[in-house]
Amino acid sequence: MTLDSYLDVRNVETVRTTLTAVLDASLGEVIIDMSEVKVIDAAGLAMLAAAHVRAQRRGQQLVLRGCTREVRRVLAVTRLNRILRVERPPLDLPA
């Protein structure tokens, strides 16, 4: 599942409906591509936390992939990075 540039009060209901359908149709990990998300607000954070709980109750795991630096910072400030599984970006090491 890929999200657009905003995950906020304007579209959180649409995303929640889609994510619920994806969770219901999936087993195991559900990966959310967050690479296009530039803005996330409290409504978006609450929706992700609720989806995480729903996934756990079903024996699934929600994975946030490709989070931008800004989104990772918001997740860290709110400490949701301790609850949600956020994939770390690959390190750019010199060859």
N, C-alpha and C. Protein backbone atom coordinates (compact mmCIF):
# COMPACT_ATOMS: atom_id res chain seq x y z
N MET A 1 0.85 -1.17 0.00
CA MET A 1 0.00 0.00 0.00
C MET A 1 0.90 1.23 0.00
N THR A 2 0.61 2.17 -0.88
CA THR A 2 1.39 3.39 -0.99
C THR A 2 0.52 4.59 -0.63
N LEU A 3 1.07 5.49 0.17
CA LEU A 3 0.33 6.68 0.58
C LEU A 3 0.81 7.89 -0.21
N ASP A 4 -0.08 8.88 -0.33
CA ASP A 4 0.24 10.13 -1.03
C ASP A 4 1.00 11.07 -0.11
N SER A 5 1.16 12.31 -0.54
CA SER A 5 2.02 13.25 0.16
C SER A 5 1.48 13.75 1.51
N TYR A 6 0.17 13.63 1.73
CA TYR A 6 -0.41 14.08 2.99
C TYR A 6 -1.13 12.93 3.67
N LEU A 7 -0.87 12.78 4.96
CA LEU A 7 -1.63 11.85 5.79
C LEU A 7 -2.13 12.69 6.96
N ASP A 8 -3.28 13.31 6.72
CA ASP A 8 -3.81 14.24 7.71
C ASP A 8 -5.33 14.11 7.78
N VAL A 9 -5.93 15.02 8.52
CA VAL A 9 -7.36 14.96 8.79
C VAL A 9 -8.20 14.97 7.51
N ARG A 10 -7.65 15.52 6.43
CA ARG A 10 -8.40 15.60 5.17
C ARG A 10 -8.58 14.24 4.50
N ASN A 11 -7.64 13.33 4.68
CA ASN A 11 -7.75 12.06 3.97
C ASN A 11 -7.63 10.83 4.86
N VAL A 12 -7.58 11.03 6.17
CA VAL A 12 -7.35 9.90 7.07
C VAL A 12 -8.48 8.86 7.00
N GLU A 13 -9.70 9.27 6.79
CA GLU A 13 -10.81 8.31 6.71
C GLU A 13 -10.67 7.41 5.47
N THR A 14 -10.29 7.99 4.36
CA THR A 14 -10.09 7.22 3.14
C THR A 14 -8.95 6.22 3.32
N VAL A 15 -7.85 6.69 3.90
CA VAL A 15 -6.71 5.82 4.13
C VAL A 15 -7.08 4.72 5.12
N ARG A 16 -7.81 5.05 6.16
CA ARG A 16 -8.24 4.05 7.16
C ARG A 16 -9.07 2.96 6.51
N THR A 17 -10.00 3.34 5.65
CA THR A 17 -10.86 2.37 4.97
C THR A 17 -10.03 1.45 4.09
N THR A 18 -9.12 2.02 3.33
CA THR A 18 -8.26 1.22 2.45
C THR A 18 -7.35 0.31 3.26
N LEU A 19 -6.74 0.85 4.31
CA LEU A 19 -5.83 0.06 5.13
C LEU A 19 -6.57 -1.08 5.84
N THR A 20 -7.77 -0.83 6.30
CA THR A 20 -8.56 -1.88 6.93
C THR A 20 -8.84 -3.01 5.94
N ALA A 21 -9.17 -2.65 4.71
CA ALA A 21 -9.41 -3.67 3.67
C ALA A 21 -8.13 -4.46 3.39
N VAL A 22 -7.00 -3.78 3.34
CA VAL A 22 -5.72 -4.47 3.10
C VAL A 22 -5.41 -5.42 4.25
N LEU A 23 -5.60 -4.97 5.48
CA LEU A 23 -5.36 -5.83 6.64
C LEU A 23 -6.28 -7.05 6.62
N ASP A 24 -7.53 -6.83 6.28
CA ASP A 24 -8.48 -7.94 6.24
C ASP A 24 -8.14 -8.97 5.16
N ALA A 25 -7.52 -8.53 4.09
CA ALA A 25 -7.20 -9.42 2.96
C ALA A 25 -5.80 -10.02 3.05
N SER A 26 -5.02 -9.65 4.05
CA SER A 26 -3.62 -10.05 4.11
C SER A 26 -3.35 -10.95 5.30
N LEU A 27 -2.22 -11.64 5.19
CA LEU A 27 -1.67 -12.41 6.29
C LEU A 27 -0.24 -11.93 6.52
N GLY A 28 0.21 -11.96 7.76
CA GLY A 28 1.60 -11.58 8.04
C GLY A 28 1.82 -10.09 7.98
N GLU A 29 2.92 -9.70 7.32
CA GLU A 29 3.29 -8.29 7.25
C GLU A 29 2.43 -7.53 6.24
N VAL A 30 2.08 -6.31 6.64
CA VAL A 30 1.44 -5.37 5.74
C VAL A 30 2.37 -4.16 5.65
N ILE A 31 2.91 -3.94 4.45
CA ILE A 31 3.89 -2.88 4.26
C ILE A 31 3.20 -1.64 3.71
N ILE A 32 3.46 -0.51 4.37
CA ILE A 32 2.93 0.77 3.92
C ILE A 32 4.10 1.59 3.40
N ASP A 33 4.06 1.93 2.13
CA ASP A 33 5.11 2.75 1.52
C ASP A 33 4.82 4.21 1.87
N MET A 34 5.68 4.77 2.70
CA MET A 34 5.51 6.14 3.19
C MET A 34 6.44 7.11 2.47
N SER A 35 7.09 6.69 1.41
CA SER A 35 8.13 7.50 0.78
C SER A 35 7.61 8.81 0.18
N GLU A 36 6.33 8.89 -0.13
CA GLU A 36 5.76 10.12 -0.69
C GLU A 36 5.13 11.02 0.36
N VAL A 37 5.02 10.53 1.60
CA VAL A 37 4.37 11.30 2.66
C VAL A 37 5.31 12.42 3.12
N LYS A 38 4.85 13.63 2.97
CA LYS A 38 5.62 14.81 3.39
C LYS A 38 5.07 15.42 4.67
N VAL A 39 3.74 15.27 4.87
CA VAL A 39 3.06 15.88 6.02
C VAL A 39 2.21 14.82 6.69
N ILE A 40 2.35 14.73 8.01
CA ILE A 40 1.51 13.83 8.80
C ILE A 40 1.09 14.60 10.05
N ASP A 41 -0.19 14.50 10.39
CA ASP A 41 -0.67 15.21 11.57
C ASP A 41 -1.16 14.21 12.61
N ALA A 42 -1.76 14.72 13.69
CA ALA A 42 -2.21 13.87 14.79
C ALA A 42 -3.24 12.84 14.33
N ALA A 43 -4.11 13.22 13.41
CA ALA A 43 -5.11 12.28 12.91
C ALA A 43 -4.43 11.12 12.17
N GLY A 44 -3.43 11.43 11.37
CA GLY A 44 -2.69 10.39 10.66
C GLY A 44 -1.93 9.49 11.61
N LEU A 45 -1.31 10.07 12.62
CA LEU A 45 -0.58 9.29 13.61
C LEU A 45 -1.52 8.37 14.38
N ALA A 46 -2.67 8.89 14.78
CA ALA A 46 -3.65 8.08 15.51
C ALA A 46 -4.16 6.93 14.65
N MET A 47 -4.39 7.19 13.37
CA MET A 47 -4.85 6.15 12.47
C MET A 47 -3.81 5.05 12.34
N LEU A 48 -2.51 5.41 12.21
CA LEU A 48 -1.46 4.42 12.12
C LEU A 48 -1.35 3.59 13.40
N ALA A 49 -1.47 4.25 14.54
CA ALA A 49 -1.41 3.54 15.82
C ALA A 49 -2.58 2.56 15.96
N ALA A 50 -3.77 2.99 15.57
CA ALA A 50 -4.94 2.11 15.64
C ALA A 50 -4.80 0.94 14.67
N ALA A 51 -4.26 1.20 13.48
CA ALA A 51 -4.04 0.12 12.50
C ALA A 51 -3.01 -0.87 13.02
N HIS A 52 -2.01 -0.37 13.72
CA HIS A 52 -0.99 -1.24 14.33
C HIS A 52 -1.64 -2.18 15.34
N VAL A 53 -2.49 -1.63 16.19
CA VAL A 53 -3.18 -2.45 17.20
C VAL A 53 -4.06 -3.49 16.51
N ARG A 54 -4.79 -3.06 15.50
CA ARG A 54 -5.66 -3.99 14.75
C ARG A 54 -4.84 -5.12 14.13
N ALA A 55 -3.71 -4.77 13.54
CA ALA A 55 -2.84 -5.78 12.92
C ALA A 55 -2.33 -6.76 13.98
N GLN A 56 -1.87 -6.25 15.11
CA GLN A 56 -1.36 -7.12 16.16
C GLN A 56 -2.42 -8.09 16.66
N ARG A 57 -3.63 -7.62 16.82
CA ARG A 57 -4.72 -8.49 17.28
C ARG A 57 -4.99 -9.62 16.30
N ARG A 58 -4.68 -9.39 15.04
CA ARG A 58 -4.89 -10.40 14.00
C ARG A 58 -3.63 -11.24 13.75
N GLY A 59 -2.58 -11.00 14.53
CA GLY A 59 -1.34 -11.73 14.35
C GLY A 59 -0.52 -11.22 13.17
N GLN A 60 -0.77 -9.99 12.77
CA GLN A 60 -0.06 -9.39 11.66
C GLN A 60 0.89 -8.32 12.18
N GLN A 61 1.70 -7.80 11.27
CA GLN A 61 2.59 -6.71 11.63
C GLN A 61 2.52 -5.63 10.56
N LEU A 62 2.35 -4.41 11.02
CA LEU A 62 2.34 -3.24 10.14
C LEU A 62 3.78 -2.73 10.02
N VAL A 63 4.23 -2.49 8.80
CA VAL A 63 5.60 -2.03 8.57
C VAL A 63 5.55 -0.74 7.77
N LEU A 64 6.19 0.30 8.28
CA LEU A 64 6.29 1.57 7.56
C LEU A 64 7.61 1.60 6.82
N ARG A 65 7.54 1.69 5.50
CA ARG A 65 8.73 1.65 4.66
C ARG A 65 8.94 3.00 3.97
N GLY A 66 10.18 3.41 3.88
CA GLY A 66 10.52 4.60 3.11
C GLY A 66 10.13 5.91 3.76
N CYS A 67 10.05 5.95 5.07
CA CYS A 67 9.68 7.20 5.74
C CYS A 67 10.72 8.28 5.48
N THR A 68 10.26 9.47 5.16
CA THR A 68 11.16 10.59 4.96
C THR A 68 11.75 11.01 6.31
N ARG A 69 12.79 11.82 6.24
CA ARG A 69 13.40 12.32 7.47
C ARG A 69 12.38 13.07 8.33
N GLU A 70 11.50 13.85 7.70
CA GLU A 70 10.50 14.61 8.44
C GLU A 70 9.52 13.68 9.16
N VAL A 71 9.06 12.64 8.47
CA VAL A 71 8.11 11.71 9.08
C VAL A 71 8.79 10.93 10.20
N ARG A 72 10.03 10.50 9.99
CA ARG A 72 10.76 9.79 11.04
C ARG A 72 10.94 10.68 12.27
N ARG A 73 11.16 11.98 12.04
CA ARG A 73 11.32 12.91 13.16
C ARG A 73 10.02 13.02 13.96
N VAL A 74 8.87 13.13 13.25
CA VAL A 74 7.58 13.21 13.93
C VAL A 74 7.32 11.92 14.72
N LEU A 75 7.63 10.78 14.12
CA LEU A 75 7.44 9.51 14.82
C LEU A 75 8.33 9.43 16.07
N ALA A 76 9.53 9.98 15.98
CA ALA A 76 10.44 9.97 17.13
C ALA A 76 9.96 10.92 18.23
N VAL A 77 9.53 12.11 17.85
CA VAL A 77 9.06 13.09 18.83
C VAL A 77 7.83 12.57 19.58
N THR A 78 6.95 11.88 18.87
CA THR A 78 5.74 11.34 19.49
C THR A 78 5.98 9.96 20.11
N ARG A 79 7.20 9.45 19.93
CA ARG A 79 7.62 8.14 20.42
C ARG A 79 6.86 6.98 19.79
N LEU A 80 6.18 7.24 18.70
CA LEU A 80 5.51 6.16 17.99
C LEU A 80 6.52 5.25 17.29
N ASN A 81 7.73 5.74 17.10
CA ASN A 81 8.77 4.89 16.51
C ASN A 81 9.14 3.73 17.43
N ARG A 82 8.75 3.81 18.69
CA ARG A 82 8.98 2.72 19.65
C ARG A 82 7.87 1.67 19.58
N ILE A 83 6.75 2.04 18.98
CA ILE A 83 5.60 1.14 18.89
C ILE A 83 5.46 0.58 17.48
N LEU A 84 5.51 1.48 16.51
CA LEU A 84 5.35 1.07 15.11
C LEU A 84 6.68 0.52 14.58
N ARG A 85 6.58 -0.41 13.66
CA ARG A 85 7.81 -0.91 13.03
C ARG A 85 8.14 -0.01 11.84
N VAL A 86 9.23 0.71 11.97
CA VAL A 86 9.68 1.64 10.93
C VAL A 86 10.98 1.09 10.36
N GLU A 87 10.97 0.75 9.07
CA GLU A 87 12.20 0.28 8.45
C GLU A 87 13.20 1.42 8.38
N ARG A 88 14.42 1.11 8.69
CA ARG A 88 15.49 2.10 8.63
C ARG A 88 15.97 2.23 7.20
N PRO A 89 16.29 3.45 6.78
CA PRO A 89 16.82 3.61 5.42
C PRO A 89 18.20 2.98 5.33
N PRO A 90 18.60 2.52 4.16
CA PRO A 90 19.93 1.94 4.02
C PRO A 90 21.01 3.01 4.23
N LEU A 91 22.11 2.59 4.79
CA LEU A 91 23.23 3.52 4.99
C LEU A 91 23.99 3.71 3.70
N ASP A 92 24.37 4.94 3.43
CA ASP A 92 25.18 5.25 2.27
C ASP A 92 26.65 5.23 2.69
N LEU A 93 27.26 4.07 2.57
CA LEU A 93 28.66 3.94 2.97
C LEU A 93 29.55 4.05 1.73
N PRO A 94 30.68 4.72 1.88
CA PRO A 94 31.61 4.81 0.75
C PRO A 94 32.16 3.44 0.39
N ALA A 95 32.42 3.23 -0.87
CA ALA A 95 32.93 1.92 -1.32
C ALA A 95 34.38 1.75 -1.04
